[in-house]
Amino acid sequence: MRALIWLWRVLVFFVLFAFALNNKHSVDLNWFLGYQWHAPMMFIVLAAFAVGCVTGVLAMMPSWWRHRRSARHRQLLMPDTSASKHTLTSLDVASSAAESSDLPAELPFPPDMPAPRKPSK
């Protein structure tokens, strides 16, 4: 299976490489106020792809920060399980899985569940 994945990657690379070689002629990109950029087509396509990737990452950053802050907050509310002195046996694991009283009262939802989203306006 791993060989098939690498074969697919190589095939996609060569198709994109052939596309770039077929589009190496020089083109003019006209900007506002009379500015022009003379470059090979493959550089213009690559630049457009890079600008799209950067824009996508910048658009996702506030959401990532909000989820990181929420996860950190939930991590602080979780009880410290590393302080237990005894090792867990299979009976302890089964009994602790059956009990849900391990969670502190401050948690409005279990820590393994995602936080509910705020309703949109």
C-alpha atoms as a PDB file:
ATOM      1  CA  MET A   1       0.000   0.000   0.000  1.00  0.00           C
ATOM      2  CA  ARG A   2       2.846   2.320   0.861  1.00  0.00           C
ATOM      3  CA  ALA A   3       4.408   1.709  -2.543  1.00  0.00           C
ATOM      4  CA  LEU A   4       1.138   2.663  -4.247  1.00  0.00           C
ATOM      5  CA  ILE A   5       1.005   5.928  -2.314  1.00  0.00           C
ATOM      6  CA  TRP A   6       4.574   6.794  -3.349  1.00  0.00           C
ATOM      7  CA  LEU A   7       3.801   5.823  -6.931  1.00  0.00           C
ATOM      8  CA  TRP A   8       0.808   8.164  -6.876  1.00  0.00           C
ATOM      9  CA  ARG A   9       2.941  11.001  -5.468  1.00  0.00           C
ATOM     10  CA  VAL A  10       5.591  10.495  -8.159  1.00  0.00           C
ATOM     11  CA  LEU A  11       2.928  10.462 -10.861  1.00  0.00           C
ATOM     12  CA  VAL A  12       1.352  13.700  -9.577  1.00  0.00           C
ATOM     13  CA  PHE A  13       4.800  15.325  -9.361  1.00  0.00           C
ATOM     14  CA  PHE A  14       5.667  14.445 -12.958  1.00  0.00           C
ATOM     15  CA  VAL A  15       2.290  15.623 -14.241  1.00  0.00           C
ATOM     16  CA  LEU A  16       2.725  18.977 -12.483  1.00  0.00           C
ATOM     17  CA  PHE A  17       6.337  19.202 -13.628  1.00  0.00           C
ATOM     18  CA  ALA A  18       5.300  18.586 -17.248  1.00  0.00           C
ATOM     19  CA  PHE A  19       2.572  21.228 -16.842  1.00  0.00           C
ATOM     20  CA  ALA A  20       5.193  23.718 -15.633  1.00  0.00           C
ATOM     21  CA  LEU A  21       7.537  22.913 -18.523  1.00  0.00           C
ATOM     22  CA  ASN A  22       4.721  23.376 -21.037  1.00  0.00           C
ATOM     23  CA  ASN A  23       3.927  26.817 -19.579  1.00  0.00           C
ATOM     24  CA  LYS A  24       7.373  28.364 -19.381  1.00  0.00           C
ATOM     25  CA  HIS A  25       6.723  31.104 -21.933  1.00  0.00           C
ATOM     26  CA  SER A  26       6.884  34.686 -20.697  1.00  0.00           C
ATOM     27  CA  VAL A  27       3.643  36.488 -19.884  1.00  0.00           C
ATOM     28  CA  ASP A  28       2.744  39.982 -18.729  1.00  0.00           C
ATOM     29  CA  LEU A  29       0.769  40.411 -15.546  1.00  0.00           C
ATOM     30  CA  ASN A  30      -0.895  43.828 -15.555  1.00  0.00           C
ATOM     31  CA  TRP A  31      -1.373  45.421 -12.144  1.00  0.00           C
ATOM     32  CA  PHE A  32      -3.200  48.604 -11.215  1.00  0.00           C
ATOM     33  CA  LEU A  33      -1.809  52.046 -12.112  1.00  0.00           C
ATOM     34  CA  GLY A  34       0.047  50.732 -15.148  1.00  0.00           C
ATOM     35  CA  TYR A  35       2.442  48.393 -13.339  1.00  0.00           C
ATOM     36  CA  GLN A  36       3.421  45.223 -15.181  1.00  0.00           C
ATOM     37  CA  TRP A  37       5.239  42.062 -14.193  1.00  0.00           C
ATOM     38  CA  HIS A  38       7.023  40.036 -16.872  1.00  0.00           C
ATOM     39  CA  ALA A  39       7.642  36.458 -15.748  1.00  0.00           C
ATOM     40  CA  PRO A  40       7.286  32.883 -16.936  1.00  0.00           C
ATOM     41  CA  MET A  41       3.791  31.472 -16.556  1.00  0.00           C
ATOM     42  CA  MET A  42       4.916  28.790 -14.078  1.00  0.00           C
ATOM     43  CA  PHE A  43       6.198  31.469 -11.667  1.00  0.00           C
ATOM     44  CA  ILE A  44       2.922  33.363 -11.843  1.00  0.00           C
ATOM     45  CA  VAL A  45       0.930  30.174 -11.154  1.00  0.00           C
ATOM     46  CA  LEU A  46       3.293  29.301  -8.290  1.00  0.00           C
ATOM     47  CA  ALA A  47       2.964  32.805  -6.839  1.00  0.00           C
ATOM     48  CA  ALA A  48      -0.851  32.626  -7.044  1.00  0.00           C
ATOM     49  CA  PHE A  49      -0.771  29.249  -5.264  1.00  0.00           C
ATOM     50  CA  ALA A  50       1.532  30.595  -2.527  1.00  0.00           C
ATOM     51  CA  VAL A  51      -0.656  33.670  -1.993  1.00  0.00           C
ATOM     52  CA  GLY A  52      -3.708  31.401  -1.705  1.00  0.00           C
ATOM     53  CA  CYS A  53      -1.978  29.166   0.865  1.00  0.00           C
ATOM     54  CA  VAL A  54      -0.876  32.139   2.968  1.00  0.00           C
ATOM     55  CA  THR A  55      -4.359  33.668   2.805  1.00  0.00           C
ATOM     56  CA  GLY A  56      -5.918  30.374   3.905  1.00  0.00           C
ATOM     57  CA  VAL A  57      -3.544  29.996   6.844  1.00  0.00           C
ATOM     58  CA  LEU A  58      -4.112  33.587   7.950  1.00  0.00           C
ATOM     59  CA  ALA A  59      -7.876  33.114   7.709  1.00  0.00           C
ATOM     60  CA  MET A  60      -7.697  30.002   9.931  1.00  0.00           C
ATOM     61  CA  MET A  61      -5.442  31.500  12.630  1.00  0.00           C
ATOM     62  CA  PRO A  62      -8.191  33.100  14.780  1.00  0.00           C
ATOM     63  CA  SER A  63     -10.074  29.799  14.857  1.00  0.00           C
ATOM     64  CA  TRP A  64      -6.894  27.873  15.757  1.00  0.00           C
ATOM     65  CA  TRP A  65      -6.101  30.318  18.566  1.00  0.00           C
ATOM     66  CA  ARG A  66      -9.661  30.075  19.923  1.00  0.00           C
ATOM     67  CA  HIS A  67      -9.512  26.251  19.931  1.00  0.00           C
ATOM     68  CA  ARG A  68      -6.069  26.242  21.562  1.00  0.00           C
ATOM     69  CA  ARG A  69      -7.298  28.610  24.278  1.00  0.00           C
ATOM     70  CA  SER A  70     -10.375  26.423  24.841  1.00  0.00           C
ATOM     71  CA  ALA A  71      -8.276  23.240  25.005  1.00  0.00           C
ATOM     72  CA  ARG A  72      -5.826  24.845  27.446  1.00  0.00           C
ATOM     73  CA  HIS A  73      -8.725  25.997  29.628  1.00  0.00           C
ATOM     74  CA  ARG A  74     -10.269  22.501  29.620  1.00  0.00           C
ATOM     75  CA  GLN A  75      -6.867  20.968  30.405  1.00  0.00           C
ATOM     76  CA  LEU A  76      -6.560  23.188  33.471  1.00  0.00           C
ATOM     77  CA  LEU A  77      -9.996  22.099  34.702  1.00  0.00           C
ATOM     78  CA  MET A  78      -9.210  18.392  34.385  1.00  0.00           C
ATOM     79  CA  PRO A  79      -8.179  16.572  37.584  1.00  0.00           C
ATOM     80  CA  ASP A  80      -4.503  15.673  37.970  1.00  0.00           C
ATOM     81  CA  THR A  81      -4.259  11.903  37.465  1.00  0.00           C
ATOM     82  CA  SER A  82      -0.468  11.723  37.653  1.00  0.00           C
ATOM     83  CA  ALA A  83      -0.543  12.256  41.435  1.00  0.00           C
ATOM     84  CA  SER A  84      -2.008   8.804  42.108  1.00  0.00           C
ATOM     85  CA  LYS A  85       0.490   6.571  43.912  1.00  0.00           C
ATOM     86  CA  HIS A  86      -0.841   3.126  42.974  1.00  0.00           C
ATOM     87  CA  THR A  87      -0.781   1.450  39.600  1.00  0.00           C
ATOM     88  CA  LEU A  88      -4.070   0.730  37.914  1.00  0.00           C
ATOM     89  CA  THR A  89      -5.152  -2.868  37.567  1.00  0.00           C
ATOM     90  CA  SER A  90      -7.759  -4.099  35.136  1.00  0.00           C
ATOM     91  CA  LEU A  91     -10.379  -3.985  37.904  1.00  0.00           C
ATOM     92  CA  ASP A  92      -9.485  -0.380  38.729  1.00  0.00           C
ATOM     93  CA  VAL A  93      -9.760   0.573  35.056  1.00  0.00           C
ATOM     94  CA  ALA A  94     -13.158  -1.098  34.734  1.00  0.00           C
ATOM     95  CA  SER A  95     -14.476   0.496  37.914  1.00  0.00           C
ATOM     96  CA  SER A  96     -13.113   3.941  37.032  1.00  0.00           C
ATOM     97  CA  ALA A  97     -14.654   3.707  33.572  1.00  0.00           C
ATOM     98  CA  ALA A  98     -18.030   2.900  35.130  1.00  0.00           C
ATOM     99  CA  GLU A  99     -17.866   5.881  37.481  1.00  0.00           C
ATOM    100  CA  SER A 100     -18.303   9.352  36.039  1.00  0.00           C
ATOM    101  CA  SER A 101     -17.734  11.169  39.335  1.00  0.00           C
ATOM    102  CA  ASP A 102     -14.070  11.793  38.428  1.00  0.00           C
ATOM    103  CA  LEU A 103     -14.939  15.092  36.761  1.00  0.00           C
ATOM    104  CA  PRO A 104     -14.982  18.267  38.820  1.00  0.00           C
ATOM    105  CA  ALA A 105     -18.276  20.115  39.095  1.00  0.00           C
ATOM    106  CA  GLU A 106     -16.896  23.105  37.114  1.00  0.00           C
ATOM    107  CA  LEU A 107     -16.811  21.198  33.829  1.00  0.00           C
ATOM    108  CA  PRO A 108     -19.997  21.790  31.831  1.00  0.00           C
ATOM    109  CA  PHE A 109     -19.102  18.939  29.459  1.00  0.00           C
ATOM    110  CA  PRO A 110     -16.712  15.971  29.493  1.00  0.00           C
ATOM    111  CA  PRO A 111     -13.103  16.869  28.587  1.00  0.00           C
ATOM    112  CA  ASP A 112     -13.024  14.517  25.610  1.00  0.00           C
ATOM    113  CA  MET A 113     -16.013  16.234  24.013  1.00  0.00           C
ATOM    114  CA  PRO A 114     -15.609  19.458  21.976  1.00  0.00           C
ATOM    115  CA  ALA A 115     -16.873  22.643  23.527  1.00  0.00           C
ATOM    116  CA  PRO A 116     -20.267  23.763  22.247  1.00  0.00           C
ATOM    117  CA  ARG A 117     -20.090  26.571  19.725  1.00  0.00           C
ATOM    118  CA  LYS A 118     -21.583  29.966  20.322  1.00  0.00           C
ATOM    119  CA  PRO A 119     -24.801  30.473  18.360  1.00  0.00           C
ATOM    120  CA  SER A 120     -24.344  32.569  15.237  1.00  0.00           C
ATOM    121  CA  LYS A 121     -26.173  35.865  14.987  1.00  0.00           C
END
